[in-house]
N, C-alpha and C. Protein backbone atom coordinates (compact mmCIF):
# COMPACT_ATOMS: atom_id res chain seq x y z
N MET A 1 0.74 -1.12 -0.04
CA MET A 1 0.15 0.14 0.03
C MET A 1 1.11 1.27 0.08
N ASP A 2 0.75 2.30 -0.85
CA ASP A 2 1.39 3.36 -0.86
C ASP A 2 1.00 4.31 0.51
N THR A 3 2.31 5.29 0.82
CA THR A 3 2.17 5.86 2.05
C THR A 3 1.21 6.77 2.10
N ARG A 4 0.60 7.25 0.62
CA ARG A 4 -0.54 8.35 0.91
C ARG A 4 -1.94 7.40 1.43
N ILE A 5 -2.11 6.45 1.03
CA ILE A 5 -3.06 5.72 1.36
C ILE A 5 -2.70 5.01 2.67
N ARG A 6 -2.15 4.82 3.27
CA ARG A 6 -1.78 4.84 4.21
C ARG A 6 -2.06 5.76 5.53
N ASP A 7 -1.58 6.89 5.09
CA ASP A 7 -1.72 8.03 5.83
C ASP A 7 -3.46 8.42 6.09
N LEU A 8 -3.94 8.05 5.08
CA LEU A 8 -5.49 8.08 5.05
C LEU A 8 -6.01 7.23 5.64
N VAL A 9 -5.87 6.12 5.65
CA VAL A 9 -6.69 4.87 6.42
C VAL A 9 -6.19 5.36 7.97
N ALA A 10 -5.01 5.54 8.31
CA ALA A 10 -4.78 5.71 9.85
C ALA A 10 -5.27 7.07 9.97
N GLN A 11 -5.52 8.34 9.31
CA GLN A 11 -6.64 9.48 9.68
C GLN A 11 -7.82 8.85 9.87
N ILE A 12 -8.46 8.27 9.03
CA ILE A 12 -9.86 7.86 9.25
C ILE A 12 -9.88 6.82 10.53
N GLY A 13 -8.78 5.78 10.82
CA GLY A 13 -8.81 5.28 12.12
C GLY A 13 -8.76 6.31 13.30
N ALA A 14 -7.92 7.29 13.49
CA ALA A 14 -7.92 7.79 14.49
C ALA A 14 -9.34 8.89 14.43
N LEU A 15 -9.78 9.14 13.64
CA LEU A 15 -11.29 10.12 13.71
C LEU A 15 -11.93 9.35 13.92
N GLU A 16 -12.29 7.84 13.70
CA GLU A 16 -13.26 7.18 14.09
C GLU A 16 -13.56 6.79 15.90
N ASP A 17 -12.01 6.58 15.90
CA ASP A 17 -11.65 6.47 17.58
C ASP A 17 -12.01 7.74 18.26
N GLU A 18 -11.23 8.92 17.49
CA GLU A 18 -12.10 10.19 18.51
C GLU A 18 -13.60 10.39 18.65
N LEU A 19 -14.19 10.16 17.42
CA LEU A 19 -15.74 10.14 17.47
C LEU A 19 -16.67 9.35 18.22
N ARG A 20 -15.85 7.79 18.35
CA ARG A 20 -16.20 6.66 19.61
C ARG A 20 -16.11 7.43 20.74
N SER A 21 -15.17 8.01 20.90
CA SER A 21 -14.55 8.67 22.47
C SER A 21 -15.66 9.76 22.97
N ALA A 22 -16.11 10.71 21.57
CA ALA A 22 -16.86 11.72 22.31
C ALA A 22 -17.86 11.45 22.12
N LEU A 23 -18.74 10.43 21.54
CA LEU A 23 -20.25 10.01 21.45
C LEU A 23 -20.28 9.47 23.11
N HIS A 24 -19.30 8.70 23.32
CA HIS A 24 -19.14 7.43 24.26
C HIS A 24 -19.14 9.12 26.29
N GLU A 25 -18.61 9.73 25.55
CA GLU A 25 -18.04 10.94 26.63
C GLU A 25 -19.46 11.87 26.79
N ARG A 26 -20.34 11.47 25.82
CA ARG A 26 -21.37 12.60 25.53
C ARG A 26 -22.63 11.63 26.34
N GLU A 27 -22.36 10.18 26.23
CA GLU A 27 -23.66 9.60 26.68
C GLU A 27 -23.35 9.47 28.18
N SER A 28 -22.28 9.22 28.45
CA SER A 28 -21.72 9.05 30.08
C SER A 28 -22.21 10.22 30.91
N ARG A 29 -21.97 11.42 30.21
CA ARG A 29 -22.04 13.12 30.84
C ARG A 29 -23.41 12.94 30.98
N VAL A 30 -24.22 12.69 29.74
CA VAL A 30 -25.52 12.80 29.88
C VAL A 30 -26.75 12.17 30.83
N MET A 31 -25.96 10.95 30.62
CA MET A 31 -27.18 9.75 31.27
C MET A 31 -26.90 9.00 32.58
N PHE A 32 -25.34 8.60 32.27
CA PHE A 32 -25.12 7.76 33.32
C PHE A 32 -23.48 7.79 33.47
N THR A 33 -22.97 7.37 34.61
CA THR A 33 -21.98 7.03 34.89
C THR A 33 -21.35 5.61 35.28
N ILE A 34 -20.30 5.40 34.88
CA ILE A 34 -19.56 3.95 35.06
C ILE A 34 -18.48 3.65 36.09
N ARG A 35 -18.99 3.45 36.97
CA ARG A 35 -17.93 2.85 38.53
C ARG A 35 -17.92 1.46 38.41
N GLY A 36 -16.91 1.32 37.70
CA GLY A 36 -16.24 -0.05 37.70
C GLY A 36 -17.23 -1.07 36.96
N LYS A 37 -17.82 -1.90 37.49
CA LYS A 37 -18.62 -2.94 36.54
C LYS A 37 -20.15 -2.05 36.74
N ARG A 38 -20.36 -1.64 37.58
CA ARG A 38 -21.45 -0.77 37.70
C ARG A 38 -22.01 0.32 37.11
N ILE A 39 -23.21 0.50 36.53
CA ILE A 39 -23.57 1.81 35.46
C ILE A 39 -24.54 2.39 36.47
N GLU A 40 -24.68 3.81 36.50
CA GLU A 40 -25.42 4.25 37.61
C GLU A 40 -26.31 5.56 36.96
N PHE A 41 -27.62 5.41 36.65
CA PHE A 41 -28.14 6.36 36.04
C PHE A 41 -28.18 7.78 37.08
N GLU A 42 -28.65 8.50 37.02
CA GLU A 42 -29.10 10.15 37.75
C GLU A 42 -30.81 9.30 37.91
N ARG A 43 -30.86 9.87 39.16
CA ARG A 43 -31.97 9.28 39.87
C ARG A 43 -33.38 9.39 38.90
N GLU A 44 -33.63 10.79 38.55
CA GLU A 44 -34.48 11.21 37.75
C GLU A 44 -34.90 9.78 36.77
N ILE A 45 -34.05 9.79 35.91
CA ILE A 45 -34.28 8.74 34.67
C ILE A 45 -33.91 7.43 35.38
N SER A 46 -33.36 6.75 36.09
CA SER A 46 -33.78 5.69 37.02
C SER A 46 -35.22 5.37 37.38
N GLU A 47 -36.05 6.49 37.89
CA GLU A 47 -37.31 6.28 38.16
C GLU A 47 -38.06 6.43 37.05
N ALA A 48 -37.49 6.95 36.07
CA ALA A 48 -38.37 6.93 34.41
C ALA A 48 -38.31 5.94 34.16
N HIS A 49 -36.97 5.11 34.32
CA HIS A 49 -37.14 3.66 33.38
C HIS A 49 -38.10 2.22 34.50
N LYS A 50 -38.07 2.86 35.90
CA LYS A 50 -38.97 1.77 36.45
C LYS A 50 -40.57 2.16 36.08
N ARG A 51 -40.71 3.29 35.65
CA ARG A 51 -42.04 3.41 35.98
C ARG A 51 -42.15 2.74 34.00
N LEU A 52 -41.47 2.57 32.98
CA LEU A 52 -41.42 2.04 31.88
C LEU A 52 -41.75 0.88 31.81
N LYS A 53 -41.06 0.25 32.75
CA LYS A 53 -40.67 -1.46 32.73
C LYS A 53 -42.11 -2.06 32.63
N ARG A 54 -42.32 -3.17 32.00
CA ARG A 54 -43.61 -3.56 31.51
C ARG A 54 -43.18 -5.34 32.57
N GLY A 55 -44.38 -5.61 33.34
CA GLY A 55 -44.32 -6.71 33.89
C GLY A 55 -44.67 -7.80 33.07
N PHE A 56 -44.17 -9.09 33.68
CA PHE A 56 -44.14 -10.33 32.45
C PHE A 56 -45.28 -10.61 32.15
N PHE A 57 -46.47 -10.38 32.86
CA PHE A 57 -47.80 -10.71 32.26
C PHE A 57 -48.16 -9.96 31.12
N ARG A 58 -48.02 -8.66 31.50
CA ARG A 58 -48.34 -7.80 30.34
C ARG A 58 -47.55 -7.65 29.41
N TRP A 59 -46.19 -7.91 29.51
CA TRP A 59 -45.29 -8.30 28.43
C TRP A 59 -45.84 -9.12 27.87
N LEU A 60 -46.21 -10.48 28.09
CA LEU A 60 -46.50 -11.61 27.88
C LEU A 60 -47.59 -11.44 26.34
N VAL A 61 -48.58 -10.74 26.85
CA VAL A 61 -49.78 -10.42 26.13
C VAL A 61 -49.60 -9.31 24.83
N THR A 62 -48.41 -8.45 25.11
CA THR A 62 -48.33 -7.43 24.21
C THR A 62 -47.48 -8.07 23.24
N ASP A 63 -46.49 -8.55 23.63
CA ASP A 63 -45.08 -8.95 22.51
C ASP A 63 -45.70 -9.89 21.53
N ARG A 64 -45.15 -9.96 20.31
CA ARG A 64 -45.36 -10.41 19.13
C ARG A 64 -45.65 -12.03 19.23
N GLY A 65 -46.66 -12.22 18.91
CA GLY A 65 -46.42 -14.07 19.16
C GLY A 65 -45.39 -14.96 18.21
N GLN A 66 -45.41 -14.21 17.57
CA GLN A 66 -44.05 -15.20 16.44
C GLN A 66 -42.62 -14.92 17.38
N ASN A 67 -42.40 -14.00 18.30
CA ASN A 67 -41.23 -13.89 18.86
C ASN A 67 -41.63 -15.08 19.77
N LEU A 68 -42.67 -15.20 20.64
CA LEU A 68 -42.29 -16.54 21.28
C LEU A 68 -42.31 -17.75 20.58
N ILE A 69 -42.88 -18.22 19.47
CA ILE A 69 -42.90 -19.18 18.57
C ILE A 69 -41.47 -19.33 18.15
N THR A 70 -40.44 -18.66 18.01
CA THR A 70 -39.51 -18.88 17.43
C THR A 70 -38.22 -18.72 18.35
N GLY A 71 -38.71 -18.30 19.36
CA GLY A 71 -38.05 -18.47 20.87
C GLY A 71 -36.75 -20.17 20.94
N PRO A 72 -37.63 -20.99 20.62
CA PRO A 72 -36.53 -22.17 20.62
C PRO A 72 -35.71 -22.56 19.81
N ILE A 73 -35.83 -21.91 18.35
CA ILE A 73 -34.97 -21.69 17.62
C ILE A 73 -34.09 -21.10 17.62
N ILE A 74 -34.20 -19.85 18.00
CA ILE A 74 -33.19 -18.76 18.70
C ILE A 74 -32.14 -19.23 19.63
N TYR A 75 -32.96 -19.42 20.87
CA TYR A 75 -31.73 -19.79 21.82
C TYR A 75 -31.72 -21.42 21.89
N GLY A 76 -31.98 -22.21 20.69
CA GLY A 76 -31.10 -23.26 20.66
C GLY A 76 -29.68 -23.15 19.86
N MET A 77 -29.49 -21.73 19.55
CA MET A 77 -27.89 -21.65 18.85
C MET A 77 -27.39 -21.51 20.09
N ALA A 78 -27.88 -21.25 21.29
CA ALA A 78 -26.77 -21.06 22.47
C ALA A 78 -25.63 -22.22 22.45
N ILE A 79 -25.75 -23.41 22.19
CA ILE A 79 -25.15 -24.55 22.41
C ILE A 79 -24.16 -24.32 21.14
N PRO A 80 -24.52 -24.48 20.03
CA PRO A 80 -23.39 -23.99 19.32
C PRO A 80 -22.52 -22.63 19.34
N MET A 81 -23.08 -21.80 19.34
CA MET A 81 -22.38 -20.36 19.70
C MET A 81 -21.40 -20.62 21.02
N ALA A 82 -21.48 -21.32 22.06
CA ALA A 82 -20.78 -21.78 23.07
C ALA A 82 -19.57 -22.39 22.88
N LEU A 83 -20.26 -23.65 21.98
CA LEU A 83 -18.86 -24.35 21.70
C LEU A 83 -18.26 -23.52 20.69
N PHE A 84 -18.45 -22.71 19.77
CA PHE A 84 -17.74 -21.65 18.83
C PHE A 84 -17.01 -21.16 19.66
N ASP A 85 -17.11 -20.39 20.81
CA ASP A 85 -16.54 -19.40 21.68
C ASP A 85 -15.50 -20.53 22.36
N LEU A 86 -15.70 -21.44 22.89
CA LEU A 86 -14.52 -22.48 23.47
C LEU A 86 -13.47 -23.03 22.36
N CYS A 87 -13.69 -23.21 20.81
CA CYS A 87 -13.05 -23.32 20.23
C CYS A 87 -12.15 -22.24 19.58
N LEU A 88 -12.82 -21.11 19.48
CA LEU A 88 -12.12 -19.82 19.15
C LEU A 88 -10.79 -19.68 20.35
N SER A 89 -11.42 -19.90 21.77
CA SER A 89 -10.45 -19.36 22.88
C SER A 89 -9.25 -20.40 22.70
N ILE A 90 -9.75 -21.94 22.79
CA ILE A 90 -8.62 -22.67 22.53
C ILE A 90 -7.32 -22.55 21.65
N TYR A 91 -8.42 -22.09 20.13
CA TYR A 91 -7.09 -21.90 19.04
C TYR A 91 -6.32 -20.74 19.28
N GLN A 92 -6.80 -19.43 19.57
CA GLN A 92 -5.74 -18.60 19.81
C GLN A 92 -4.89 -18.70 21.30
N LEU A 93 -5.55 -19.43 22.18
CA LEU A 93 -4.81 -19.46 23.45
C LEU A 93 -3.33 -20.46 23.07
N SER A 94 -3.41 -21.12 22.13
CA SER A 94 -2.61 -22.39 21.99
C SER A 94 -1.90 -21.95 20.64
N CYS A 95 -2.21 -21.23 19.46
CA CYS A 95 -1.71 -20.91 18.38
C CYS A 95 -1.15 -19.54 18.46
N PHE A 96 -1.46 -18.29 19.12
CA PHE A 96 -1.42 -16.96 18.82
C PHE A 96 0.37 -17.12 19.89
N PRO A 97 0.39 -17.84 20.90
CA PRO A 97 1.89 -17.55 21.59
C PRO A 97 2.48 -17.91 20.33
N ILE A 98 2.40 -19.46 19.65
CA ILE A 98 3.78 -19.76 18.78
C ILE A 98 3.91 -18.66 17.21
N TYR A 99 2.58 -17.98 17.04
CA TYR A 99 2.98 -17.14 15.96
C TYR A 99 3.34 -15.94 16.01
N GLY A 100 3.56 -15.74 17.92
CA GLY A 100 3.95 -14.05 18.25
C GLY A 100 2.78 -13.18 17.85
N ILE A 101 1.64 -13.73 18.09
CA ILE A 101 0.26 -13.03 17.47
C ILE A 101 -0.34 -12.16 19.05
N ALA A 102 -0.53 -10.74 19.18
CA ALA A 102 -0.84 -10.25 20.60
C ALA A 102 -2.44 -11.09 20.50
N LYS A 103 -2.85 -12.04 21.94
CA LYS A 103 -3.89 -12.48 21.94
C LYS A 103 -5.06 -11.38 21.73
N VAL A 104 -6.32 -11.93 21.49
CA VAL A 104 -7.59 -10.88 21.66
C VAL A 104 -8.35 -11.06 22.72
N ARG A 105 -8.66 -9.81 23.46
CA ARG A 105 -9.02 -9.82 24.99
C ARG A 105 -10.62 -10.15 24.47
N ARG A 106 -11.24 -11.20 24.86
CA ARG A 106 -12.65 -11.49 24.79
C ARG A 106 -13.52 -10.50 25.81
N ALA A 107 -13.21 -9.91 26.69
CA ALA A 107 -13.67 -8.91 27.03
C ALA A 107 -14.07 -7.69 26.38
N ASP A 108 -13.17 -7.51 25.58
CA ASP A 108 -13.61 -6.22 24.84
C ASP A 108 -14.35 -6.24 23.89
N TYR A 109 -14.98 -7.20 23.34
CA TYR A 109 -16.06 -7.77 22.32
C TYR A 109 -17.18 -8.37 22.78
N ILE A 110 -17.14 -9.28 23.83
CA ILE A 110 -18.64 -9.70 24.80
C ILE A 110 -18.66 -8.94 25.73
N VAL A 111 -19.55 -7.88 26.02
CA VAL A 111 -19.69 -7.00 26.96
C VAL A 111 -21.28 -7.31 27.30
N PHE A 112 -21.61 -7.78 28.67
CA PHE A 112 -22.70 -7.93 29.36
C PHE A 112 -23.04 -6.55 30.27
N ASP A 113 -24.12 -5.82 29.89
CA ASP A 113 -24.36 -4.88 31.11
C ASP A 113 -25.65 -4.14 30.71
N ARG A 114 -26.58 -4.48 29.36
CA ARG A 114 -27.93 -4.63 29.79
C ARG A 114 -28.76 -5.00 30.60
N HIS A 115 -28.26 -5.77 31.33
CA HIS A 115 -29.28 -6.43 32.85
C HIS A 115 -29.33 -4.85 33.61
N GLN A 116 -28.77 -4.28 33.75
CA GLN A 116 -28.48 -3.13 34.40
C GLN A 116 -29.46 -1.85 34.22
N LEU A 117 -30.34 -2.32 33.07
CA LEU A 117 -31.37 -1.23 32.44
C LEU A 117 -32.65 -1.39 33.49
N GLY A 118 -33.09 -0.40 33.90
CA GLY A 118 -34.49 -0.87 34.83
C GLY A 118 -35.59 -0.64 34.19
N TYR A 119 -35.67 -0.49 33.09
CA TYR A 119 -37.06 -0.51 32.11
C TYR A 119 -37.13 -1.63 31.49
N LEU A 120 -36.03 -2.61 31.71
CA LEU A 120 -36.46 -4.23 31.09
C LEU A 120 -37.07 -4.99 32.12
N ASN A 121 -37.90 -5.83 31.59
CA ASN A 121 -38.25 -6.91 32.54
C ASN A 121 -37.15 -8.39 32.42
N PHE A 122 -37.23 -8.98 33.23
CA PHE A 122 -35.98 -10.36 33.14
C PHE A 122 -36.11 -10.82 31.90
N ILE A 123 -37.45 -11.38 31.53
CA ILE A 123 -37.21 -11.50 29.88
C ILE A 123 -36.83 -10.74 28.82
N GLU A 124 -36.67 -9.56 28.90
CA GLU A 124 -36.36 -8.80 28.13
C GLU A 124 -34.36 -8.60 28.35
N ARG A 125 -34.36 -8.51 29.75
CA ARG A 125 -32.78 -8.40 29.93
C ARG A 125 -31.94 -9.56 29.49
N PHE A 126 -32.80 -10.76 29.46
CA PHE A 126 -32.13 -11.84 28.81
C PHE A 126 -31.98 -12.19 27.19
N HIS A 127 -33.27 -11.67 26.87
CA HIS A 127 -33.09 -11.36 25.52
C HIS A 127 -31.48 -10.32 24.90
N CYS A 128 -31.69 -9.54 25.68
CA CYS A 128 -30.61 -8.29 25.31
C CYS A 128 -29.26 -9.15 25.51
N GLU A 129 -29.17 -9.77 26.85
CA GLU A 129 -27.71 -10.42 26.91
C GLU A 129 -27.56 -11.52 25.94
N TYR A 130 -28.44 -11.85 25.94
CA TYR A 130 -28.25 -13.26 24.82
C TYR A 130 -27.68 -12.56 23.27
N CYS A 131 -28.39 -11.53 23.12
CA CYS A 131 -28.00 -10.69 21.53
C CYS A 131 -26.61 -10.37 21.82
N ALA A 132 -26.41 -9.64 23.02
CA ALA A 132 -25.03 -9.04 23.25
C ALA A 132 -23.81 -10.39 23.01
N TYR A 133 -24.22 -11.54 23.71
CA TYR A 133 -22.96 -12.56 23.46
C TYR A 133 -22.90 -12.87 22.13
N GLY A 134 -24.26 -13.33 21.60
CA GLY A 134 -23.68 -13.50 20.05
C GLY A 134 -22.97 -12.72 19.18
N ASN A 135 -23.41 -11.27 19.17
CA ASN A 135 -22.89 -10.23 18.35
C ASN A 135 -21.39 -10.25 18.55
N GLY A 136 -21.25 -10.13 20.20
CA GLY A 136 -20.05 -9.90 20.72
C GLY A 136 -19.33 -11.18 20.24
N LEU A 137 -19.53 -12.58 20.30
CA LEU A 137 -18.97 -13.53 20.11
C LEU A 137 -18.57 -13.22 18.34
N MET A 138 -19.31 -12.94 17.52
CA MET A 138 -19.07 -13.09 15.89
C MET A 138 -17.99 -11.67 16.00
N ALA A 139 -17.95 -10.83 16.44
CA ALA A 139 -17.02 -9.57 16.53
C ALA A 139 -15.34 -10.14 16.83
N TYR A 140 -15.77 -10.82 18.42
CA TYR A 140 -14.37 -11.67 18.72
C TYR A 140 -14.01 -12.79 17.78
N ALA A 141 -14.84 -13.30 17.22
CA ALA A 141 -14.21 -14.16 15.90
C ALA A 141 -13.67 -13.47 15.02
N THR A 142 -14.08 -12.55 14.41
CA THR A 142 -13.68 -11.84 13.34
C THR A 142 -12.09 -11.20 13.69
N GLU A 143 -11.91 -10.75 14.91
CA GLU A 143 -10.97 -10.09 15.30
C GLU A 143 -9.54 -11.37 15.11
N ILE A 144 -10.15 -12.45 15.70
CA ILE A 144 -9.27 -13.40 15.71
C ILE A 144 -8.97 -14.15 14.52
N LEU A 145 -9.83 -14.18 13.44
CA LEU A 145 -9.68 -14.65 12.28
C LEU A 145 -9.19 -13.70 11.24
N ALA A 146 -9.05 -12.41 11.67
CA ALA A 146 -8.43 -11.38 10.84
C ALA A 146 -6.86 -11.40 10.94
N ARG A 147 -6.65 -11.68 12.80
CA ARG A 147 -5.59 -11.64 12.69
C ARG A 147 -4.51 -13.05 12.19
N THR A 148 -5.45 -14.16 12.29
CA THR A 148 -4.86 -15.13 11.36
C THR A 148 -4.64 -15.00 10.03
N GLU A 149 -5.45 -14.39 9.39
CA GLU A 149 -5.22 -13.91 8.38
C GLU A 149 -4.31 -13.07 7.66
N GLN A 150 -3.62 -12.30 8.55
CA GLN A 150 -3.27 -11.52 8.35
C GLN A 150 -1.87 -12.04 8.79
N TYR A 151 -1.61 -13.00 9.37
CA TYR A 151 -0.08 -13.67 9.74
C TYR A 151 0.15 -14.62 8.61
N PHE A 152 -1.27 -15.29 7.81
CA PHE A 152 -1.10 -16.08 6.93
C PHE A 152 -0.83 -15.91 5.49
N CYS A 153 -1.94 -14.87 5.30
CA CYS A 153 -2.34 -14.37 3.59
C CYS A 153 -2.80 -12.76 3.88
N PRO A 154 -1.62 -12.04 3.94
CA PRO A 154 -2.55 -10.67 4.15
C PRO A 154 -2.49 -9.83 2.88
N ILE A 155 -3.36 -10.76 2.17
CA ILE A 155 -3.57 -10.31 0.38
C ILE A 155 -4.98 -10.02 0.26
N LYS A 156 -5.08 -8.52 -0.46
CA LYS A 156 -6.77 -8.45 -0.65
C LYS A 156 -7.31 -9.06 -1.96
N HIS A 157 -8.44 -9.15 -1.79
CA HIS A 157 -8.82 -10.06 -2.83
C HIS A 157 -9.32 -9.07 -4.20
N ALA A 158 -9.34 -9.63 -5.52
CA ALA A 158 -9.52 -9.17 -6.56
C ALA A 158 -10.82 -8.47 -6.60
N ARG A 159 -11.79 -9.01 -6.11
CA ARG A 159 -13.11 -8.74 -6.28
C ARG A 159 -13.23 -7.72 -4.88
N LYS A 160 -14.60 -6.81 -4.77
CA LYS A 160 -14.83 -6.22 -3.82
C LYS A 160 -15.51 -6.80 -2.76
N VAL A 161 -15.05 -7.31 -1.80
CA VAL A 161 -15.36 -7.94 -0.56
C VAL A 161 -16.51 -6.67 0.43
N VAL A 162 -17.68 -7.07 0.50
CA VAL A 162 -18.87 -6.50 1.60
C VAL A 162 -18.18 -6.77 2.92
N GLY A 163 -18.11 -5.76 3.93
CA GLY A 163 -17.51 -6.40 5.26
C GLY A 163 -16.14 -6.80 5.69
N THR A 164 -15.22 -5.95 4.98
CA THR A 164 -14.28 -6.26 5.61
C THR A 164 -13.61 -6.10 6.55
N HIS A 165 -12.95 -6.56 7.51
CA HIS A 165 -12.21 -6.56 8.97
C HIS A 165 -11.31 -5.49 8.88
N THR A 166 -11.05 -4.70 10.11
CA THR A 166 -10.14 -3.36 10.18
C THR A 166 -8.92 -3.41 9.89
N ARG A 167 -8.30 -4.80 9.79
CA ARG A 167 -6.77 -5.27 9.59
C ARG A 167 -6.61 -5.04 7.76
N TYR A 168 -7.88 -5.42 7.37
CA TYR A 168 -8.01 -5.90 5.97
C TYR A 168 -7.34 -4.47 5.20
N GLU A 169 -7.48 -3.46 5.26
CA GLU A 169 -6.72 -2.24 4.49
C GLU A 169 -4.96 -2.16 4.40
N ASN A 170 -4.63 -2.69 5.70
CA ASN A 170 -3.04 -3.18 5.40
C ASN A 170 -2.84 -4.45 4.54
N PHE A 171 -3.62 -4.76 4.11
CA PHE A 171 -2.84 -6.32 3.29
C PHE A 171 -2.30 -6.00 2.11
N LEU A 172 -1.23 -6.54 1.26
CA LEU A 172 -0.94 -6.26 0.57
C LEU A 172 -1.95 -6.51 -0.92
N GLN A 173 -1.54 -5.81 -1.98
CA GLN A 173 -2.70 -5.51 -3.10
C GLN A 173 -2.37 -7.12 -4.41
N TYR A 174 -3.92 -7.51 -4.47
CA TYR A 174 -3.92 -8.40 -5.27
C TYR A 174 -2.99 -8.74 -6.46
N GLY A 175 -2.29 -9.59 -6.35
CA GLY A 175 -1.27 -9.84 -7.13
C GLY A 175 0.50 -8.91 -7.41
N GLU A 176 0.31 -8.60 -6.01
CA GLU A 176 1.69 -7.18 -5.55
C GLU A 176 2.34 -8.65 -4.96
N SER A 177 3.07 -9.22 -6.14
CA SER A 177 4.17 -10.36 -5.95
C SER A 177 5.62 -10.15 -5.59
N PRO A 178 5.87 -8.74 -5.91
CA PRO A 178 7.49 -8.30 -5.91
C PRO A 178 7.95 -8.14 -4.35
N ASP A 179 8.94 -9.20 -3.95
CA ASP A 179 9.28 -9.38 -2.46
C ASP A 179 8.07 -9.55 -1.64
N TYR A 180 7.12 -10.43 -2.17
CA TYR A 180 6.00 -10.81 -1.54
C TYR A 180 6.28 -11.24 -0.05
N HIS A 181 7.60 -12.46 -0.01
CA HIS A 181 8.02 -13.31 1.27
C HIS A 181 8.58 -12.28 1.91
N ALA A 182 9.30 -11.49 1.83
CA ALA A 182 10.18 -10.31 2.61
C ALA A 182 8.99 -9.84 2.80
N LYS A 183 7.93 -9.25 2.27
CA LYS A 183 6.78 -7.90 3.08
C LYS A 183 5.88 -9.02 4.22
N LEU A 184 5.70 -10.19 3.63
CA LEU A 184 4.98 -11.09 4.48
C LEU A 184 5.51 -11.00 6.10
N GLU A 185 7.05 -11.44 5.93
CA GLU A 185 7.58 -11.63 7.01
C GLU A 185 7.58 -10.13 8.06
N ALA A 186 7.49 -9.09 7.19
CA ALA A 186 7.79 -7.59 7.65
C ALA A 186 6.53 -7.43 8.24
N ILE A 187 5.29 -7.94 8.01
CA ILE A 187 4.07 -8.09 8.40
C ILE A 187 4.05 -8.77 9.57
N ARG A 188 4.53 -9.79 9.28
CA ARG A 188 4.67 -10.96 11.02
C ARG A 188 5.60 -10.51 12.14
N VAL A 189 6.26 -9.82 11.45
CA VAL A 189 7.27 -9.27 12.38
C VAL A 189 6.70 -7.96 13.45
N ALA A 190 5.84 -7.45 12.58
CA ALA A 190 5.46 -6.09 13.16
C ALA A 190 4.16 -6.61 13.96
N MET A 191 3.35 -7.76 13.57
CA MET A 191 2.13 -7.64 14.37
C MET A 191 2.78 -8.19 15.82
N GLY A 192 3.76 -8.88 15.75
CA GLY A 192 4.64 -9.54 17.25
C GLY A 192 4.83 -8.41 17.89
N LYS A 193 5.24 -6.95 17.54
CA LYS A 193 5.37 -5.81 18.24
C LYS A 193 4.08 -5.44 18.77
N GLU A 194 2.70 -5.84 18.29
CA GLU A 194 1.90 -5.13 18.46
C GLU A 194 1.58 -5.03 19.80
N PRO A 195 1.21 -3.88 20.81
CA PRO A 195 0.74 -4.21 22.44
C PRO A 195 -0.64 -4.86 22.65
N PRO A 196 -0.77 -5.51 23.71
CA PRO A 196 -2.26 -6.13 23.89
C PRO A 196 -2.84 -5.54 24.33
N ALA A 197 -4.14 -5.53 23.49
CA ALA A 197 -5.18 -4.77 23.68
C ALA A 197 -5.65 -4.15 25.42
N ALA A 198 -5.72 -2.91 25.55
CA ALA A 198 -6.16 -2.17 26.76
C ALA A 198 -7.40 -2.47 26.82
N GLY A 199 -7.67 -2.87 28.42
CA GLY A 199 -9.32 -3.42 28.64
C GLY A 199 -9.58 -2.08 29.02
């Protein structure tokens, strides 16, 4: 990748990080504060949440019927997801140290905090945490696989790919054969120098 494109990608990444931080800071300042693992809302907001909460029976009557019908299918995915999670963790714990790749912190991707929302009943909280687990698991898997791809085959595709991971922009161009093995080794060495992600 030429220097100009690399600089633009770095600038875009820095701006995205800055935007995420600013949005998070605004959310925290306006509605809640985070104290360790506990999220605390302002008293007025917390009371408003309690007033909005639907009891189980009201929720059961007003919720869409198709949601109840498909529940066993959705929650039947819990076992394959947990097995996938276990396999991913074993894979990176055993292979990444051998390759010299920094491990992906699971806690950066799988976050459980929606159970602290006072306007959700226990079923809604369970739904939210289940979705957080599923989507967090996919993001965790994506990062593990992205690091693996960067180590073994950091080459862009000839065709446009929708939904590429964040490491893809640093891959070599399709067909960029001069000094491929030296460039591959340089990428691997650079990966070994990446600091572990902060919590």
